[in-house]
Amino acid sequence: MARYTGPVCRLCRREAVKLFLKGERCLTNKCAIERRNYPPGQHGPGKQRKLSQYGIQLREKQKMRKIYGVSEKQFRSYFTKADRAQGVTGDLFLRLLERRLDNVVHRLGFAASRSAARQLVAHGNIFVDGKKLDIPSFLVKPGMTVSVTERHVANPFIVENLERTRMRSVPGWLELSPEKPEGKVVSLPSRAEIDTQVTEQLIVEFYSK
């Protein structure tokens, strides 16, 4: 399945919630949800159909997949891996998605959105333990250090976003250097440390049919 390359604000409107796909813009009154809080389409706002239980589960699955920006094949693969492991499937599923390198780059504040972080990684601008890594889906482990390449340390977009991130702080399972664009994976993320607004149990039920 090809990656979606259309207007991302349509995705937020489709799910009727902010997916934070455009970084800081999502926190302003320019956000599409603030201006047009109804599904996209030529007919405009109208009467919404009541969803079945299957429909509710499907929408939750689509919402979570769009938040992390992964394909259906990748998403299903993460679920299968979580389902086979010991523990709470929903928590393990979220943990796998959070450990993706592009997500960690975003969480550390090197990029304003996951799509920008994915581009930063894919272009070879991120180091993991001092070695260049250009695989956005790489799963980080506790103890690993993630940093920006030397030539991008002074990048104005990275510097500006890091300043905002340091004011808001990073998740507890990550540690951001106060002086340079570098962070460390302290531990595996717990569900309490993941602020993604999804009901993962609905997704577990969707795939368990």
C-alpha atoms as a PDB file:
ATOM      1  CA  MET A   1       0.000   0.000   0.000  1.00  0.00           C
ATOM      2  CA  ALA A   2       1.432   3.390  -1.031  1.00  0.00           C
ATOM      3  CA  ARG A   3       2.004   6.049   1.598  1.00  0.00           C
ATOM      4  CA  TYR A   4      -0.629   8.819   1.722  1.00  0.00           C
ATOM      5  CA  THR A   5       0.750  12.033   0.212  1.00  0.00           C
ATOM      6  CA  GLY A   6      -2.402  14.198   0.136  1.00  0.00           C
ATOM      7  CA  PRO A   7      -3.462  17.006   2.520  1.00  0.00           C
ATOM      8  CA  VAL A   8      -2.957  15.670   6.053  1.00  0.00           C
ATOM      9  CA  CYS A   9      -5.597  17.976   7.536  1.00  0.00           C
ATOM     10  CA  ARG A  10      -8.192  15.863   5.723  1.00  0.00           C
ATOM     11  CA  LEU A  11      -7.064  12.899   7.824  1.00  0.00           C
ATOM     12  CA  CYS A  12      -7.777  14.775  11.056  1.00  0.00           C
ATOM     13  CA  ARG A  13     -11.183  15.828   9.775  1.00  0.00           C
ATOM     14  CA  ARG A  14     -11.952  12.250   8.712  1.00  0.00           C
ATOM     15  CA  GLU A  15     -11.242  11.008  12.247  1.00  0.00           C
ATOM     16  CA  ALA A  16     -12.819  14.111  13.879  1.00  0.00           C
ATOM     17  CA  VAL A  17      -9.831  14.530  16.233  1.00  0.00           C
ATOM     18  CA  LYS A  18      -6.458  16.240  16.123  1.00  0.00           C
ATOM     19  CA  LEU A  19      -3.811  13.769  14.991  1.00  0.00           C
ATOM     20  CA  PHE A  20      -1.044  16.395  15.302  1.00  0.00           C
ATOM     21  CA  LEU A  21       0.315  15.728  11.823  1.00  0.00           C
ATOM     22  CA  LYS A  22       1.482  19.298  11.183  1.00  0.00           C
ATOM     23  CA  GLY A  23       3.384  20.100  14.355  1.00  0.00           C
ATOM     24  CA  GLU A  24       2.814  23.545  15.885  1.00  0.00           C
ATOM     25  CA  ARG A  25       0.027  24.439  13.436  1.00  0.00           C
ATOM     26  CA  CYS A  26      -2.180  21.868  15.167  1.00  0.00           C
ATOM     27  CA  LEU A  27      -1.962  23.916  18.379  1.00  0.00           C
ATOM     28  CA  THR A  28      -3.249  27.119  16.752  1.00  0.00           C
ATOM     29  CA  ASN A  29      -6.641  28.282  15.475  1.00  0.00           C
ATOM     30  CA  LYS A  30      -5.423  27.478  11.938  1.00  0.00           C
ATOM     31  CA  CYS A  31      -5.973  23.794  12.668  1.00  0.00           C
ATOM     32  CA  ALA A  32      -8.566  22.277  10.319  1.00  0.00           C
ATOM     33  CA  ILE A  33     -10.496  20.790  13.257  1.00  0.00           C
ATOM     34  CA  GLU A  34     -10.905  24.286  14.705  1.00  0.00           C
ATOM     35  CA  ARG A  35     -12.197  25.720  11.423  1.00  0.00           C
ATOM     36  CA  ARG A  36     -14.113  22.812   9.837  1.00  0.00           C
ATOM     37  CA  ASN A  37     -14.941  20.133  12.348  1.00  0.00           C
ATOM     38  CA  TYR A  38     -16.776  17.822   9.958  1.00  0.00           C
ATOM     39  CA  PRO A  39     -15.654  15.053   7.558  1.00  0.00           C
ATOM     40  CA  PRO A  40     -14.101  16.128   4.226  1.00  0.00           C
ATOM     41  CA  GLY A  41     -16.128  15.823   1.043  1.00  0.00           C
ATOM     42  CA  GLN A  42     -18.186  17.805  -1.402  1.00  0.00           C
ATOM     43  CA  HIS A  43     -21.393  17.688   0.632  1.00  0.00           C
ATOM     44  CA  GLY A  44     -20.041  19.597   3.621  1.00  0.00           C
ATOM     45  CA  PRO A  45     -21.413  19.182   7.129  1.00  0.00           C
ATOM     46  CA  GLY A  46     -24.400  16.925   7.304  1.00  0.00           C
ATOM     47  CA  LYS A  47     -26.047  14.255   9.349  1.00  0.00           C
ATOM     48  CA  GLN A  48     -23.512  11.715  10.516  1.00  0.00           C
ATOM     49  CA  ARG A  49     -24.320   8.042  10.334  1.00  0.00           C
ATOM     50  CA  LYS A  50     -24.181   6.039  13.537  1.00  0.00           C
ATOM     51  CA  LEU A  51     -21.250   3.628  13.399  1.00  0.00           C
ATOM     52  CA  SER A  52     -21.540  -0.064  14.140  1.00  0.00           C
ATOM     53  CA  GLN A  53     -19.140  -1.660  16.626  1.00  0.00           C
ATOM     54  CA  TYR A  54     -17.027  -2.809  13.684  1.00  0.00           C
ATOM     55  CA  GLY A  55     -17.038   0.742  12.311  1.00  0.00           C
ATOM     56  CA  ILE A  56     -15.882   2.142  15.660  1.00  0.00           C
ATOM     57  CA  GLN A  57     -13.033  -0.375  15.807  1.00  0.00           C
ATOM     58  CA  LEU A  58     -12.036   0.360  12.207  1.00  0.00           C
ATOM     59  CA  ARG A  59     -11.956   4.120  12.757  1.00  0.00           C
ATOM     60  CA  GLU A  60      -9.806   3.687  15.881  1.00  0.00           C
ATOM     61  CA  LYS A  61      -7.408   1.488  13.926  1.00  0.00           C
ATOM     62  CA  GLN A  62      -7.196   4.005  11.088  1.00  0.00           C
ATOM     63  CA  LYS A  63      -6.687   6.854  13.537  1.00  0.00           C
ATOM     64  CA  MET A  64      -3.745   5.168  15.242  1.00  0.00           C
ATOM     65  CA  ARG A  65      -2.188   4.127  11.930  1.00  0.00           C
ATOM     66  CA  LYS A  66      -2.352   7.714  10.651  1.00  0.00           C
ATOM     67  CA  ILE A  67      -0.891   9.138  13.861  1.00  0.00           C
ATOM     68  CA  TYR A  68       2.258   7.035  13.489  1.00  0.00           C
ATOM     69  CA  GLY A  69       2.307   7.246   9.699  1.00  0.00           C
ATOM     70  CA  VAL A  70       2.748   3.556   8.938  1.00  0.00           C
ATOM     71  CA  SER A  71       1.289   1.431   6.168  1.00  0.00           C
ATOM     72  CA  GLU A  72      -1.406  -1.177   6.761  1.00  0.00           C
ATOM     73  CA  LYS A  73       1.124  -3.963   6.224  1.00  0.00           C
ATOM     74  CA  GLN A  74       3.538  -2.507   8.792  1.00  0.00           C
ATOM     75  CA  PHE A  75       0.724  -1.827  11.241  1.00  0.00           C
ATOM     76  CA  ARG A  76      -0.548  -5.403  11.043  1.00  0.00           C
ATOM     77  CA  SER A  77       2.997  -6.699  11.429  1.00  0.00           C
ATOM     78  CA  TYR A  78       3.450  -4.739  14.680  1.00  0.00           C
ATOM     79  CA  PHE A  79       0.160  -6.107  15.999  1.00  0.00           C
ATOM     80  CA  THR A  80       1.139  -9.687  15.168  1.00  0.00           C
ATOM     81  CA  LYS A  81       4.447  -9.233  16.970  1.00  0.00           C
ATOM     82  CA  ALA A  82       2.709  -7.763  20.039  1.00  0.00           C
ATOM     83  CA  ASP A  83       0.048 -10.474  20.028  1.00  0.00           C
ATOM     84  CA  ARG A  84       2.680 -13.216  20.109  1.00  0.00           C
ATOM     85  CA  ALA A  85       4.610 -11.672  23.000  1.00  0.00           C
ATOM     86  CA  GLN A  86       3.807 -12.130  26.678  1.00  0.00           C
ATOM     87  CA  GLY A  87       1.928  -9.250  28.257  1.00  0.00           C
ATOM     88  CA  VAL A  88      -0.968  -6.934  27.489  1.00  0.00           C
ATOM     89  CA  THR A  89      -1.259  -6.898  23.690  1.00  0.00           C
ATOM     90  CA  GLY A  90      -2.509  -3.312  23.432  1.00  0.00           C
ATOM     91  CA  ASP A  91       0.307  -1.931  25.606  1.00  0.00           C
ATOM     92  CA  LEU A  92       2.957  -3.938  23.742  1.00  0.00           C
ATOM     93  CA  PHE A  93       1.516  -2.760  20.423  1.00  0.00           C
ATOM     94  CA  LEU A  94       1.790   0.901  21.391  1.00  0.00           C
ATOM     95  CA  ARG A  95       5.268   0.333  22.802  1.00  0.00           C
ATOM     96  CA  LEU A  96       6.492  -1.046  19.467  1.00  0.00           C
ATOM     97  CA  LEU A  97       5.161   1.981  17.584  1.00  0.00           C
ATOM     98  CA  GLU A  98       6.699   4.367  20.111  1.00  0.00           C
ATOM     99  CA  ARG A  99      10.100   2.716  19.730  1.00  0.00           C
ATOM    100  CA  ARG A 100      10.274   3.495  16.003  1.00  0.00           C
ATOM    101  CA  LEU A 101      13.249   5.746  15.292  1.00  0.00           C
ATOM    102  CA  ASP A 102      11.150   8.377  13.500  1.00  0.00           C
ATOM    103  CA  ASN A 103       8.834   8.596  16.508  1.00  0.00           C
ATOM    104  CA  VAL A 104      11.778   8.905  18.928  1.00  0.00           C
ATOM    105  CA  VAL A 105      13.285  11.694  16.796  1.00  0.00           C
ATOM    106  CA  HIS A 106       9.930  13.486  16.985  1.00  0.00           C
ATOM    107  CA  ARG A 107       9.528  12.871  20.729  1.00  0.00           C
ATOM    108  CA  LEU A 108      13.009  14.261  21.411  1.00  0.00           C
ATOM    109  CA  GLY A 109      12.073  17.437  19.551  1.00  0.00           C
ATOM    110  CA  PHE A 110      14.404  17.186  16.574  1.00  0.00           C
ATOM    111  CA  ALA A 111      11.367  17.497  14.271  1.00  0.00           C
ATOM    112  CA  ALA A 112       7.957  19.145  14.650  1.00  0.00           C
ATOM    113  CA  SER A 113       6.015  16.129  13.350  1.00  0.00           C
ATOM    114  CA  ARG A 114       6.529  12.435  12.723  1.00  0.00           C
ATOM    115  CA  SER A 115       6.533  12.960   8.956  1.00  0.00           C
ATOM    116  CA  ALA A 116       9.306  15.566   9.308  1.00  0.00           C
ATOM    117  CA  ALA A 117      11.190  13.185  11.613  1.00  0.00           C
ATOM    118  CA  ARG A 118      10.808  10.371   9.070  1.00  0.00           C
ATOM    119  CA  GLN A 119      12.319  12.602   6.395  1.00  0.00           C
ATOM    120  CA  LEU A 120      15.182  13.585   8.706  1.00  0.00           C
ATOM    121  CA  VAL A 121      15.986   9.918   9.309  1.00  0.00           C
ATOM    122  CA  ALA A 122      15.544   8.798   5.686  1.00  0.00           C
ATOM    123  CA  HIS A 123      17.954  11.495   4.479  1.00  0.00           C
ATOM    124  CA  GLY A 124      20.690  10.173   6.759  1.00  0.00           C
ATOM    125  CA  ASN A 125      20.697  13.051   9.237  1.00  0.00           C
ATOM    126  CA  ILE A 126      20.323  10.970  12.402  1.00  0.00           C
ATOM    127  CA  PHE A 127      22.924   8.998  14.333  1.00  0.00           C
ATOM    128  CA  VAL A 128      22.174   6.086  16.666  1.00  0.00           C
ATOM    129  CA  ASP A 129      25.065   5.335  19.019  1.00  0.00           C
ATOM    130  CA  GLY A 130      27.327   7.420  16.782  1.00  0.00           C
ATOM    131  CA  LYS A 131      26.457   5.599  13.561  1.00  0.00           C
ATOM    132  CA  LYS A 132      24.298   6.989  10.748  1.00  0.00           C
ATOM    133  CA  LEU A 133      20.973   5.185  10.493  1.00  0.00           C
ATOM    134  CA  ASP A 134      18.451   5.947   7.744  1.00  0.00           C
ATOM    135  CA  ILE A 135      15.723   3.417   8.595  1.00  0.00           C
ATOM    136  CA  PRO A 136      12.663   5.184  10.124  1.00  0.00           C
ATOM    137  CA  SER A 137      11.177   1.869  11.322  1.00  0.00           C
ATOM    138  CA  PHE A 138      14.280   0.887  13.318  1.00  0.00           C
ATOM    139  CA  LEU A 139      13.266  -0.030  16.881  1.00  0.00           C
ATOM    140  CA  VAL A 140      15.399   1.661  19.529  1.00  0.00           C
ATOM    141  CA  LYS A 141      16.423  -0.091  22.747  1.00  0.00           C
ATOM    142  CA  PRO A 142      17.190   1.193  26.259  1.00  0.00           C
ATOM    143  CA  GLY A 143      20.694   2.613  26.465  1.00  0.00           C
ATOM    144  CA  MET A 144      20.827   3.813  22.858  1.00  0.00           C
ATOM    145  CA  THR A 145      21.772   7.417  22.085  1.00  0.00           C
ATOM    146  CA  VAL A 146      20.031   9.295  19.276  1.00  0.00           C
ATOM    147  CA  SER A 147      21.567  12.478  17.886  1.00  0.00           C
ATOM    148  CA  VAL A 148      21.573  14.815  14.891  1.00  0.00           C
ATOM    149  CA  THR A 149      24.491  14.800  12.443  1.00  0.00           C
ATOM    150  CA  GLU A 150      27.084  17.549  12.903  1.00  0.00           C
ATOM    151  CA  ARG A 151      26.023  19.462   9.790  1.00  0.00           C
ATOM    152  CA  HIS A 152      22.457  19.802  11.097  1.00  0.00           C
ATOM    153  CA  VAL A 153      23.222  20.827  14.679  1.00  0.00           C
ATOM    154  CA  ALA A 154      22.627  24.503  13.825  1.00  0.00           C
ATOM    155  CA  ASN A 155      19.638  23.869  11.554  1.00  0.00           C
ATOM    156  CA  PRO A 156      17.152  26.641  12.481  1.00  0.00           C
ATOM    157  CA  PHE A 157      14.130  24.313  12.312  1.00  0.00           C
ATOM    158  CA  ILE A 158      15.759  21.805  14.659  1.00  0.00           C
ATOM    159  CA  VAL A 159      17.005  24.511  17.029  1.00  0.00           C
ATOM    160  CA  GLU A 160      13.575  26.182  17.198  1.00  0.00           C
ATOM    161  CA  ASN A 161      11.737  22.942  17.797  1.00  0.00           C
ATOM    162  CA  LEU A 162      14.224  21.846  20.462  1.00  0.00           C
ATOM    163  CA  GLU A 163      13.608  25.092  22.352  1.00  0.00           C
ATOM    164  CA  ARG A 164       9.875  24.370  22.398  1.00  0.00           C
ATOM    165  CA  THR A 165      10.453  20.763  23.447  1.00  0.00           C
ATOM    166  CA  ARG A 166      12.724  21.722  26.345  1.00  0.00           C
ATOM    167  CA  MET A 167       9.962  24.004  27.637  1.00  0.00           C
ATOM    168  CA  ARG A 168       7.416  21.140  27.482  1.00  0.00           C
ATOM    169  CA  SER A 169       9.777  18.277  28.476  1.00  0.00           C
ATOM    170  CA  VAL A 170      10.078  14.866  26.836  1.00  0.00           C
ATOM    171  CA  PRO A 171       8.410  11.570  27.864  1.00  0.00           C
ATOM    172  CA  GLY A 172       9.884   9.911  30.944  1.00  0.00           C
ATOM    173  CA  TRP A 173      11.402   7.029  28.984  1.00  0.00           C
ATOM    174  CA  LEU A 174      13.604   9.453  27.054  1.00  0.00           C
ATOM    175  CA  GLU A 175      16.293  11.860  28.239  1.00  0.00           C
ATOM    176  CA  LEU A 176      17.171  14.972  26.225  1.00  0.00           C
ATOM    177  CA  SER A 177      20.561  16.652  26.516  1.00  0.00           C
ATOM    178  CA  PRO A 178      20.203  20.252  27.791  1.00  0.00           C
ATOM    179  CA  GLU A 179      23.034  21.475  25.562  1.00  0.00           C
ATOM    180  CA  LYS A 180      22.850  19.702  22.202  1.00  0.00           C
ATOM    181  CA  PRO A 181      20.436  17.819  19.909  1.00  0.00           C
ATOM    182  CA  GLU A 182      21.049  14.462  21.516  1.00  0.00           C
ATOM    183  CA  GLY A 183      18.872  12.146  23.553  1.00  0.00           C
ATOM    184  CA  LYS A 184      19.071   8.808  25.277  1.00  0.00           C
ATOM    185  CA  VAL A 185      16.550   5.984  25.513  1.00  0.00           C
ATOM    186  CA  VAL A 186      16.383   5.444  29.279  1.00  0.00           C
ATOM    187  CA  SER A 187      13.835   2.625  29.342  1.00  0.00           C
ATOM    188  CA  LEU A 188      11.009   1.017  27.417  1.00  0.00           C
ATOM    189  CA  PRO A 189       7.896   3.231  27.403  1.00  0.00           C
ATOM    190  CA  SER A 190       5.012   2.339  29.701  1.00  0.00           C
ATOM    191  CA  ARG A 191       1.389   3.038  28.744  1.00  0.00           C
ATOM    192  CA  ALA A 192       1.253   5.876  31.263  1.00  0.00           C
ATOM    193  CA  GLU A 193       4.162   7.585  29.464  1.00  0.00           C
ATOM    194  CA  ILE A 194       2.510   7.401  26.027  1.00  0.00           C
ATOM    195  CA  ASP A 195       0.159  10.332  25.431  1.00  0.00           C
ATOM    196  CA  THR A 196      -1.307   9.016  22.159  1.00  0.00           C
ATOM    197  CA  GLN A 197      -5.071   9.423  22.508  1.00  0.00           C
ATOM    198  CA  VAL A 198      -6.312   6.055  21.286  1.00  0.00           C
ATOM    199  CA  THR A 199      -8.270   3.169  22.761  1.00  0.00           C
ATOM    200  CA  GLU A 200      -5.928   0.361  21.818  1.00  0.00           C
ATOM    201  CA  GLN A 201      -8.329  -2.315  23.076  1.00  0.00           C
ATOM    202  CA  LEU A 202     -10.655  -1.504  20.161  1.00  0.00           C
ATOM    203  CA  ILE A 203      -7.795  -2.228  17.762  1.00  0.00           C
ATOM    204  CA  VAL A 204      -7.004  -5.499  19.516  1.00  0.00           C
ATOM    205  CA  GLU A 205     -10.660  -6.487  19.124  1.00  0.00           C
ATOM    206  CA  PHE A 206     -10.601  -5.467  15.441  1.00  0.00           C
ATOM    207  CA  TYR A 207      -7.676  -7.728  14.608  1.00  0.00           C
ATOM    208  CA  SER A 208      -8.845 -10.556  16.885  1.00  0.00           C
ATOM    209  CA  LYS A 209     -12.016 -11.270  14.899  1.00  0.00           C
END
